[in-house]
Amino acid sequence: MREFQQRKSINFNKIFSPIVKLTTIKSMLSIVAVKDLHPEQLDVNTVFLHGDLEEDIYMLQPQGYIMPGKEQFVCKLKKSLYGLKQAPRQ
């Protein structure tokens, strides 16, 4: 086993991904209409790419970016990645 792989109860804690129910969205839009407010939209497609990591996480070099002579090196992540166990918490 590689030492830089994530392991449950060692490298990450709770995992969750907040989801909004349709009734909540409808309620918010009703309040906006009644109070004559102006809703704003936020794009969260890249939200997982901007979270700062609290712990050290390493990954293999991505294919196509492996440097000759440094094939055994790994990359230390500075920001969260989509699919990372810690990503929803960041």
PDB file of N, CA and C in Angstrom:
ATOM      1  N   MET A   1       0.837  -1.191   0.000  1.00  0.00           N
ATOM      2  CA  MET A   1       0.000   0.000   0.000  1.00  0.00           C
ATOM      3  C   MET A   1       0.878   1.250   0.000  1.00  0.00           C
ATOM      4  N   ARG A   2       0.530   2.216  -0.794  1.00  0.00           N
ATOM      5  CA  ARG A   2       1.289   3.458  -0.874  1.00  0.00           C
ATOM      6  C   ARG A   2       0.956   4.340   0.327  1.00  0.00           C
ATOM      7  N   GLU A   3       1.953   4.983   0.879  1.00  0.00           N
ATOM      8  CA  GLU A   3       1.775   5.779   2.080  1.00  0.00           C
ATOM      9  C   GLU A   3       0.977   7.059   1.842  1.00  0.00           C
ATOM     10  N   PHE A   4       0.850   7.506   0.587  1.00  0.00           N
ATOM     11  CA  PHE A   4       0.138   8.750   0.319  1.00  0.00           C
ATOM     12  C   PHE A   4      -1.325   8.522  -0.033  1.00  0.00           C
ATOM     13  N   GLN A   5      -1.811   7.296   0.040  1.00  0.00           N
ATOM     14  CA  GLN A   5      -3.220   7.044  -0.222  1.00  0.00           C
ATOM     15  C   GLN A   5      -4.036   7.365   1.022  1.00  0.00           C
ATOM     16  N   GLN A   6      -5.282   7.795   0.801  1.00  0.00           N
ATOM     17  CA  GLN A   6      -6.143   8.138   1.918  1.00  0.00           C
ATOM     18  C   GLN A   6      -6.683   6.890   2.588  1.00  0.00           C
ATOM     19  N   ARG A   7      -6.751   6.933   3.910  1.00  0.00           N
ATOM     20  CA  ARG A   7      -7.282   5.808   4.674  1.00  0.00           C
ATOM     21  C   ARG A   7      -8.334   6.318   5.650  1.00  0.00           C
ATOM     22  N   LYS A   8      -9.452   5.618   5.733  1.00  0.00           N
ATOM     23  CA  LYS A   8     -10.550   6.007   6.604  1.00  0.00           C
ATOM     24  C   LYS A   8     -10.080   6.057   8.059  1.00  0.00           C
ATOM     25  N   SER A   9     -10.542   7.077   8.764  1.00  0.00           N
ATOM     26  CA  SER A   9     -10.225   7.319  10.182  1.00  0.00           C
ATOM     27  C   SER A   9      -8.790   7.764  10.412  1.00  0.00           C
ATOM     28  N   ILE A  10      -7.992   7.823   9.368  1.00  0.00           N
ATOM     29  CA  ILE A  10      -6.617   8.304   9.511  1.00  0.00           C
ATOM     30  C   ILE A  10      -6.434   9.605   8.732  1.00  0.00           C
ATOM     31  N   ASN A  11      -6.824   9.614   7.456  1.00  0.00           N
ATOM     32  CA  ASN A  11      -6.585  10.762   6.597  1.00  0.00           C
ATOM     33  C   ASN A  11      -7.789  11.688   6.425  1.00  0.00           C
ATOM     34  N   PHE A  12      -8.966  11.226   6.736  1.00  0.00           N
ATOM     35  CA  PHE A  12     -10.134  12.074   6.583  1.00  0.00           C
ATOM     36  C   PHE A  12     -11.175  11.732   7.636  1.00  0.00           C
ATOM     37  N   ASN A  13     -12.037  12.710   7.898  1.00  0.00           N
ATOM     38  CA  ASN A  13     -13.046  12.544   8.936  1.00  0.00           C
ATOM     39  C   ASN A  13     -14.416  12.352   8.310  1.00  0.00           C
ATOM     40  N   LYS A  14     -15.335  13.200   8.679  1.00  0.00           N
ATOM     41  CA  LYS A  14     -16.698  13.098   8.170  1.00  0.00           C
ATOM     42  C   LYS A  14     -16.774  13.541   6.717  1.00  0.00           C
ATOM     43  N   ILE A  15     -17.633  12.876   5.950  1.00  0.00           N
ATOM     44  CA  ILE A  15     -17.829  13.211   4.544  1.00  0.00           C
ATOM     45  C   ILE A  15     -19.293  13.570   4.347  1.00  0.00           C
ATOM     46  N   PHE A  16     -19.550  14.707   3.738  1.00  0.00           N
ATOM     47  CA  PHE A  16     -20.921  15.081   3.448  1.00  0.00           C
ATOM     48  C   PHE A  16     -20.941  16.009   2.251  1.00  0.00           C
ATOM     49  N   SER A  17     -22.055  16.096   1.624  1.00  0.00           N
ATOM     50  CA  SER A  17     -22.247  16.998   0.505  1.00  0.00           C
ATOM     51  C   SER A  17     -23.627  17.626   0.655  1.00  0.00           C
ATOM     52  N   PRO A  18     -23.685  18.906   1.015  1.00  0.00           N
ATOM     53  CA  PRO A  18     -24.979  19.537   1.250  1.00  0.00           C
ATOM     54  C   PRO A  18     -25.851  19.561  -0.012  1.00  0.00           C
ATOM     55  N   ILE A  19     -27.097  19.190   0.148  1.00  0.00           N
ATOM     56  CA  ILE A  19     -28.059  19.168  -0.958  1.00  0.00           C
ATOM     57  C   ILE A  19     -29.275  19.984  -0.548  1.00  0.00           C
ATOM     58  N   VAL A  20     -29.815  20.755  -1.465  1.00  0.00           N
ATOM     59  CA  VAL A  20     -30.995  21.566  -1.197  1.00  0.00           C
ATOM     60  C   VAL A  20     -32.229  20.847  -1.742  1.00  0.00           C
ATOM     61  N   LYS A  21     -33.272  20.792  -0.910  1.00  0.00           N
ATOM     62  CA  LYS A  21     -34.521  20.178  -1.348  1.00  0.00           C
ATOM     63  C   LYS A  21     -35.280  21.150  -2.240  1.00  0.00           C
ATOM     64  N   LEU A  22     -36.074  20.614  -3.141  1.00  0.00           N
ATOM     65  CA  LEU A  22     -36.865  21.436  -4.053  1.00  0.00           C
ATOM     66  C   LEU A  22     -37.830  22.339  -3.290  1.00  0.00           C
ATOM     67  N   THR A  23     -38.391  21.861  -2.181  1.00  0.00           N
ATOM     68  CA  THR A  23     -39.318  22.686  -1.394  1.00  0.00           C
ATOM     69  C   THR A  23     -38.611  23.909  -0.812  1.00  0.00           C
ATOM     70  N   THR A  24     -37.334  23.760  -0.466  1.00  0.00           N
ATOM     71  CA  THR A  24     -36.561  24.893   0.047  1.00  0.00           C
ATOM     72  C   THR A  24     -36.372  25.944  -1.042  1.00  0.00           C
ATOM     73  N   ILE A  25     -36.081  25.512  -2.242  1.00  0.00           N
ATOM     74  CA  ILE A  25     -35.911  26.445  -3.365  1.00  0.00           C
ATOM     75  C   ILE A  25     -37.216  27.177  -3.646  1.00  0.00           C
ATOM     76  N   LYS A  26     -38.322  26.442  -3.665  1.00  0.00           N
ATOM     77  CA  LYS A  26     -39.630  27.059  -3.906  1.00  0.00           C
ATOM     78  C   LYS A  26     -39.970  28.070  -2.813  1.00  0.00           C
ATOM     79  N   SER A  27     -39.662  27.733  -1.571  1.00  0.00           N
ATOM     80  CA  SER A  27     -39.924  28.650  -0.448  1.00  0.00           C
ATOM     81  C   SER A  27     -39.117  29.933  -0.596  1.00  0.00           C
ATOM     82  N   MET A  28     -37.844  29.775  -0.942  1.00  0.00           N
ATOM     83  CA  MET A  28     -36.985  30.961  -1.115  1.00  0.00           C
ATOM     84  C   MET A  28     -37.482  31.850  -2.254  1.00  0.00           C
ATOM     85  N   LEU A  29     -37.893  31.245  -3.361  1.00  0.00           N
ATOM     86  CA  LEU A  29     -38.403  32.033  -4.486  1.00  0.00           C
ATOM     87  C   LEU A  29     -39.714  32.725  -4.125  1.00  0.00           C
ATOM     88  N   SER A  30     -40.531  32.081  -3.289  1.00  0.00           N
ATOM     89  CA  SER A  30     -41.774  32.714  -2.832  1.00  0.00           C
ATOM     90  C   SER A  30     -41.469  33.943  -1.986  1.00  0.00           C
ATOM     91  N   ILE A  31     -40.514  33.834  -1.086  1.00  0.00           N
ATOM     92  CA  ILE A  31     -40.121  34.974  -0.248  1.00  0.00           C
ATOM     93  C   ILE A  31     -39.578  36.103  -1.105  1.00  0.00           C
ATOM     94  N   VAL A  32     -38.769  35.758  -2.093  1.00  0.00           N
ATOM     95  CA  VAL A  32     -38.212  36.762  -3.006  1.00  0.00           C
ATOM     96  C   VAL A  32     -39.331  37.502  -3.734  1.00  0.00           C
ATOM     97  N   ALA A  33     -40.341  36.764  -4.199  1.00  0.00           N
ATOM     98  CA  ALA A  33     -41.454  37.386  -4.933  1.00  0.00           C
ATOM     99  C   ALA A  33     -42.302  38.264  -4.026  1.00  0.00           C
ATOM    100  N   VAL A  34     -42.609  37.791  -2.828  1.00  0.00           N
ATOM    101  CA  VAL A  34     -43.468  38.539  -1.904  1.00  0.00           C
ATOM    102  C   VAL A  34     -42.787  39.818  -1.423  1.00  0.00           C
ATOM    103  N   LYS A  35     -41.516  39.750  -1.133  1.00  0.00           N
ATOM    104  CA  LYS A  35     -40.788  40.914  -0.600  1.00  0.00           C
ATOM    105  C   LYS A  35     -40.149  41.770  -1.690  1.00  0.00           C
ATOM    106  N   ASP A  36     -40.405  41.418  -2.944  1.00  0.00           N
ATOM    107  CA  ASP A  36     -39.863  42.165  -4.094  1.00  0.00           C
ATOM    108  C   ASP A  36     -38.330  42.282  -4.017  1.00  0.00           C
ATOM    109  N   LEU A  37     -37.692  41.170  -3.730  1.00  0.00           N
ATOM    110  CA  LEU A  37     -36.229  41.118  -3.662  1.00  0.00           C
ATOM    111  C   LEU A  37     -35.661  40.737  -5.025  1.00  0.00           C
ATOM    112  N   HIS A  38     -34.360  40.849  -5.160  1.00  0.00           N
ATOM    113  CA  HIS A  38     -33.687  40.496  -6.410  1.00  0.00           C
ATOM    114  C   HIS A  38     -32.734  39.328  -6.136  1.00  0.00           C
ATOM    115  N   PRO A  39     -33.098  38.123  -6.573  1.00  0.00           N
ATOM    116  CA  PRO A  39     -32.231  36.962  -6.302  1.00  0.00           C
ATOM    117  C   PRO A  39     -30.951  37.016  -7.135  1.00  0.00           C
ATOM    118  N   GLU A  40     -29.905  36.432  -6.595  1.00  0.00           N
ATOM    119  CA  GLU A  40     -28.640  36.329  -7.314  1.00  0.00           C
ATOM    120  C   GLU A  40     -28.243  34.862  -7.394  1.00  0.00           C
ATOM    121  N   GLN A  41     -27.545  34.517  -8.441  1.00  0.00           N
ATOM    122  CA  GLN A  41     -27.134  33.143  -8.666  1.00  0.00           C
ATOM    123  C   GLN A  41     -25.635  33.015  -8.413  1.00  0.00           C
ATOM    124  N   LEU A  42     -25.230  31.864  -7.896  1.00  0.00           N
ATOM    125  CA  LEU A  42     -23.823  31.593  -7.642  1.00  0.00           C
ATOM    126  C   LEU A  42     -23.446  30.301  -8.337  1.00  0.00           C
ATOM    127  N   ASP A  43     -22.414  30.341  -9.138  1.00  0.00           N
ATOM    128  CA  ASP A  43     -21.951  29.157  -9.849  1.00  0.00           C
ATOM    129  C   ASP A  43     -21.014  28.383  -8.933  1.00  0.00           C
ATOM    130  N   VAL A  44     -21.369  27.151  -8.626  1.00  0.00           N
ATOM    131  CA  VAL A  44     -20.552  26.349  -7.722  1.00  0.00           C
ATOM    132  C   VAL A  44     -19.927  25.145  -8.420  1.00  0.00           C
ATOM    133  N   ASN A  45     -19.823  25.182  -9.740  1.00  0.00           N
ATOM    134  CA  ASN A  45     -19.221  24.062 -10.469  1.00  0.00           C
ATOM    135  C   ASN A  45     -17.762  23.852 -10.100  1.00  0.00           C
ATOM    136  N   THR A  46     -17.060  24.915  -9.776  1.00  0.00           N
ATOM    137  CA  THR A  46     -15.635  24.801  -9.454  1.00  0.00           C
ATOM    138  C   THR A  46     -15.357  24.989  -7.972  1.00  0.00           C
ATOM    139  N   VAL A  47     -16.378  24.876  -7.138  1.00  0.00           N
ATOM    140  CA  VAL A  47     -16.200  25.096  -5.709  1.00  0.00           C
ATOM    141  C   VAL A  47     -15.196  24.118  -5.100  1.00  0.00           C
ATOM    142  N   PHE A  48     -15.107  22.904  -5.620  1.00  0.00           N
ATOM    143  CA  PHE A  48     -14.186  21.917  -5.074  1.00  0.00           C
ATOM    144  C   PHE A  48     -12.728  22.242  -5.387  1.00  0.00           C
ATOM    145  N   LEU A  49     -12.484  23.125  -6.325  1.00  0.00           N
ATOM    146  CA  LEU A  49     -11.113  23.442  -6.724  1.00  0.00           C
ATOM    147  C   LEU A  49     -10.510  24.596  -5.937  1.00  0.00           C
ATOM    148  N   HIS A  50     -11.297  25.242  -5.083  1.00  0.00           N
ATOM    149  CA  HIS A  50     -10.818  26.442  -4.399  1.00  0.00           C
ATOM    150  C   HIS A  50     -10.652  26.270  -2.892  1.00  0.00           C
ATOM    151  N   GLY A  51     -10.969  25.107  -2.358  1.00  0.00           N
ATOM    152  CA  GLY A  51     -10.854  24.893  -0.917  1.00  0.00           C
ATOM    153  C   GLY A  51      -9.421  24.634  -0.491  1.00  0.00           C
ATOM    154  N   ASP A  52      -8.995  25.302   0.564  1.00  0.00           N
ATOM    155  CA  ASP A  52      -7.666  25.070   1.119  1.00  0.00           C
ATOM    156  C   ASP A  52      -7.687  23.796   1.954  1.00  0.00           C
ATOM    157  N   LEU A  53      -6.654  23.003   1.841  1.00  0.00           N
ATOM    158  CA  LEU A  53      -6.570  21.748   2.592  1.00  0.00           C
ATOM    159  C   LEU A  53      -5.944  21.982   3.959  1.00  0.00           C
ATOM    160  N   GLU A  54      -6.462  21.285   4.959  1.00  0.00           N
ATOM    161  CA  GLU A  54      -5.942  21.416   6.317  1.00  0.00           C
ATOM    162  C   GLU A  54      -4.831  20.411   6.600  1.00  0.00           C
ATOM    163  N   GLU A  55      -4.760  19.342   5.821  1.00  0.00           N
ATOM    164  CA  GLU A  55      -3.755  18.322   6.034  1.00  0.00           C
ATOM    165  C   GLU A  55      -2.920  18.125   4.771  1.00  0.00           C
ATOM    166  N   ASP A  56      -1.803  17.415   4.896  1.00  0.00           N
ATOM    167  CA  ASP A  56      -0.952  17.134   3.739  1.00  0.00           C
ATOM    168  C   ASP A  56      -1.521  15.940   2.975  1.00  0.00           C
ATOM    169  N   ILE A  57      -1.768  16.125   1.688  1.00  0.00           N
ATOM    170  CA  ILE A  57      -2.265  15.057   0.826  1.00  0.00           C
ATOM    171  C   ILE A  57      -1.373  14.992  -0.406  1.00  0.00           C
ATOM    172  N   TYR A  58      -0.970  13.772  -0.762  1.00  0.00           N
ATOM    173  CA  TYR A  58      -0.099  13.560  -1.909  1.00  0.00           C
ATOM    174  C   TYR A  58      -0.807  12.698  -2.942  1.00  0.00           C
ATOM    175  N   MET A  59      -0.463  12.892  -4.205  1.00  0.00           N
ATOM    176  CA  MET A  59      -1.043  12.099  -5.283  1.00  0.00           C
ATOM    177  C   MET A  59       0.036  11.761  -6.303  1.00  0.00           C
ATOM    178  N   LEU A  60      -0.222  10.741  -7.109  1.00  0.00           N
ATOM    179  CA  LEU A  60       0.693  10.402  -8.198  1.00  0.00           C
ATOM    180  C   LEU A  60       0.697  11.528  -9.228  1.00  0.00           C
ATOM    181  N   GLN A  61       1.775  11.642  -9.966  1.00  0.00           N
ATOM    182  CA  GLN A  61       1.827  12.636 -11.034  1.00  0.00           C
ATOM    183  C   GLN A  61       0.801  12.267 -12.116  1.00  0.00           C
ATOM    184  N   PRO A  62       0.032  13.237 -12.604  1.00  0.00           N
ATOM    185  CA  PRO A  62      -0.943  12.934 -13.654  1.00  0.00           C
ATOM    186  C   PRO A  62      -0.252  12.500 -14.946  1.00  0.00           C
ATOM    187  N   GLN A  63      -0.888  11.585 -15.682  1.00  0.00           N
ATOM    188  CA  GLN A  63      -0.329  11.145 -16.960  1.00  0.00           C
ATOM    189  C   GLN A  63      -0.177  12.350 -17.882  1.00  0.00           C
ATOM    190  N   GLY A  64       0.922  12.394 -18.592  1.00  0.00           N
ATOM    191  CA  GLY A  64       1.192  13.517 -19.485  1.00  0.00           C
ATOM    192  C   GLY A  64       1.994  14.617 -18.813  1.00  0.00           C
ATOM    193  N   TYR A  65       2.103  14.573 -17.479  1.00  0.00           N
ATOM    194  CA  TYR A  65       2.850  15.583 -16.737  1.00  0.00           C
ATOM    195  C   TYR A  65       4.013  14.981 -15.957  1.00  0.00           C
ATOM    196  N   ILE A  66       4.291  13.712 -16.203  1.00  0.00           N
ATOM    197  CA  ILE A  66       5.384  13.040 -15.502  1.00  0.00           C
ATOM    198  C   ILE A  66       6.712  13.530 -16.067  1.00  0.00           C
ATOM    199  N   MET A  67       7.556  14.029 -15.179  1.00  0.00           N
ATOM    200  CA  MET A  67       8.839  14.570 -15.600  1.00  0.00           C
ATOM    201  C   MET A  67       9.857  13.446 -15.770  1.00  0.00           C
ATOM    202  N   PRO A  68      10.585  13.411 -16.886  1.00  0.00           N
ATOM    203  CA  PRO A  68      11.604  12.379 -17.085  1.00  0.00           C
ATOM    204  C   PRO A  68      12.653  12.420 -15.974  1.00  0.00           C
ATOM    205  N   GLY A  69      12.967  11.260 -15.447  1.00  0.00           N
ATOM    206  CA  GLY A  69      13.928  11.178 -14.357  1.00  0.00           C
ATOM    207  C   GLY A  69      13.304  11.346 -12.985  1.00  0.00           C
ATOM    208  N   LYS A  70      12.030  11.744 -12.939  1.00  0.00           N
ATOM    209  CA  LYS A  70      11.346  11.949 -11.657  1.00  0.00           C
ATOM    210  C   LYS A  70      10.042  11.155 -11.614  1.00  0.00           C
ATOM    211  N   GLU A  71      10.047   9.979 -12.220  1.00  0.00           N
ATOM    212  CA  GLU A  71       8.840   9.162 -12.310  1.00  0.00           C
ATOM    213  C   GLU A  71       8.344   8.697 -10.946  1.00  0.00           C
ATOM    214  N   GLN A  72       9.221   8.573  -9.963  1.00  0.00           N
ATOM    215  CA  GLN A  72       8.833   8.093  -8.630  1.00  0.00           C
ATOM    216  C   GLN A  72       8.360   9.213  -7.706  1.00  0.00           C
ATOM    217  N   PHE A  73       8.412  10.458  -8.167  1.00  0.00           N
ATOM    218  CA  PHE A  73       7.986  11.581  -7.349  1.00  0.00           C
ATOM    219  C   PHE A  73       6.458  11.619  -7.266  1.00  0.00           C
ATOM    220  N   VAL A  74       5.947  12.268  -6.218  1.00  0.00           N
ATOM    221  CA  VAL A  74       4.506  12.478  -6.061  1.00  0.00           C
ATOM    222  C   VAL A  74       4.243  13.978  -5.956  1.00  0.00           C
ATOM    223  N   CYS A  75       2.990  14.365  -6.101  1.00  0.00           N
ATOM    224  CA  CYS A  75       2.610  15.774  -6.020  1.00  0.00           C
ATOM    225  C   CYS A  75       1.925  16.040  -4.687  1.00  0.00           C
ATOM    226  N   LYS A  76       2.275  17.142  -4.035  1.00  0.00           N
ATOM    227  CA  LYS A  76       1.600  17.562  -2.813  1.00  0.00           C
ATOM    228  C   LYS A  76       0.491  18.533  -3.204  1.00  0.00           C
ATOM    229  N   LEU A  77      -0.734  18.227  -2.803  1.00  0.00           N
ATOM    230  CA  LEU A  77      -1.864  19.082  -3.150  1.00  0.00           C
ATOM    231  C   LEU A  77      -1.882  20.331  -2.284  1.00  0.00           C
ATOM    232  N   LYS A  78      -2.095  21.481  -2.911  1.00  0.00           N
ATOM    233  CA  LYS A  78      -2.244  22.735  -2.180  1.00  0.00           C
ATOM    234  C   LYS A  78      -3.715  23.116  -2.053  1.00  0.00           C
ATOM    235  N   LYS A  79      -4.517  22.681  -3.033  1.00  0.00           N
ATOM    236  CA  LYS A  79      -5.957  22.981  -3.052  1.00  0.00           C
ATOM    237  C   LYS A  79      -6.729  21.680  -3.193  1.00  0.00           C
ATOM    238  N   SER A  80      -7.987  21.730  -2.861  1.00  0.00           N
ATOM    239  CA  SER A  80      -8.855  20.559  -2.935  1.00  0.00           C
ATOM    240  C   SER A  80      -9.143  20.179  -4.386  1.00  0.00           C
ATOM    241  N   LEU A  81      -9.413  18.900  -4.613  1.00  0.00           N
ATOM    242  CA  LEU A  81      -9.788  18.389  -5.926  1.00  0.00           C
ATOM    243  C   LEU A  81     -11.164  17.757  -5.849  1.00  0.00           C
ATOM    244  N   TYR A  82     -11.905  17.794  -6.952  1.00  0.00           N
ATOM    245  CA  TYR A  82     -13.190  17.116  -7.001  1.00  0.00           C
ATOM    246  C   TYR A  82     -12.948  15.614  -6.875  1.00  0.00           C
ATOM    247  N   GLY A  83     -13.696  14.955  -6.021  1.00  0.00           N
ATOM    248  CA  GLY A  83     -13.525  13.529  -5.806  1.00  0.00           C
ATOM    249  C   GLY A  83     -12.676  13.214  -4.596  1.00  0.00           C
ATOM    250  N   LEU A  84     -12.000  14.204  -4.051  1.00  0.00           N
ATOM    251  CA  LEU A  84     -11.216  14.025  -2.851  1.00  0.00           C
ATOM    252  C   LEU A  84     -12.165  13.882  -1.668  1.00  0.00           C
ATOM    253  N   LYS A  85     -11.861  12.997  -0.739  1.00  0.00           N
ATOM    254  CA  LYS A  85     -12.749  12.748   0.408  1.00  0.00           C
ATOM    255  C   LYS A  85     -12.998  14.010   1.220  1.00  0.00           C
ATOM    256  N   GLN A  86     -12.018  14.897   1.300  1.00  0.00           N
ATOM    257  CA  GLN A  86     -12.162  16.116   2.090  1.00  0.00           C
ATOM    258  C   GLN A  86     -12.854  17.245   1.330  1.00  0.00           C
ATOM    259  N   ALA A  87     -13.039  17.112   0.039  1.00  0.00           N
ATOM    260  CA  ALA A  87     -13.539  18.209  -0.808  1.00  0.00           C
ATOM    261  C   ALA A  87     -14.847  18.839  -0.318  1.00  0.00           C
ATOM    262  N   PRO A  88     -15.872  18.073   0.051  1.00  0.00           N
ATOM    263  CA  PRO A  88     -17.110  18.713   0.488  1.00  0.00           C
ATOM    264  C   PRO A  88     -16.957  19.557   1.744  1.00  0.00           C
ATOM    265  N   ARG A  89     -15.992  19.230   2.595  1.00  0.00           N
ATOM    266  CA  ARG A  89     -15.796  19.990   3.827  1.00  0.00           C
ATOM    267  C   ARG A  89     -15.008  21.274   3.598  1.00  0.00           C
ATOM    268  N   GLN A  90     -14.328  21.398   2.482  1.00  0.00           N
ATOM    269  CA  GLN A  90     -13.492  22.558   2.236  1.00  0.00           C
ATOM    270  C   GLN A  90     -14.324  23.707   1.726  1.00  0.00           C
TER     271      GLN A  90
END
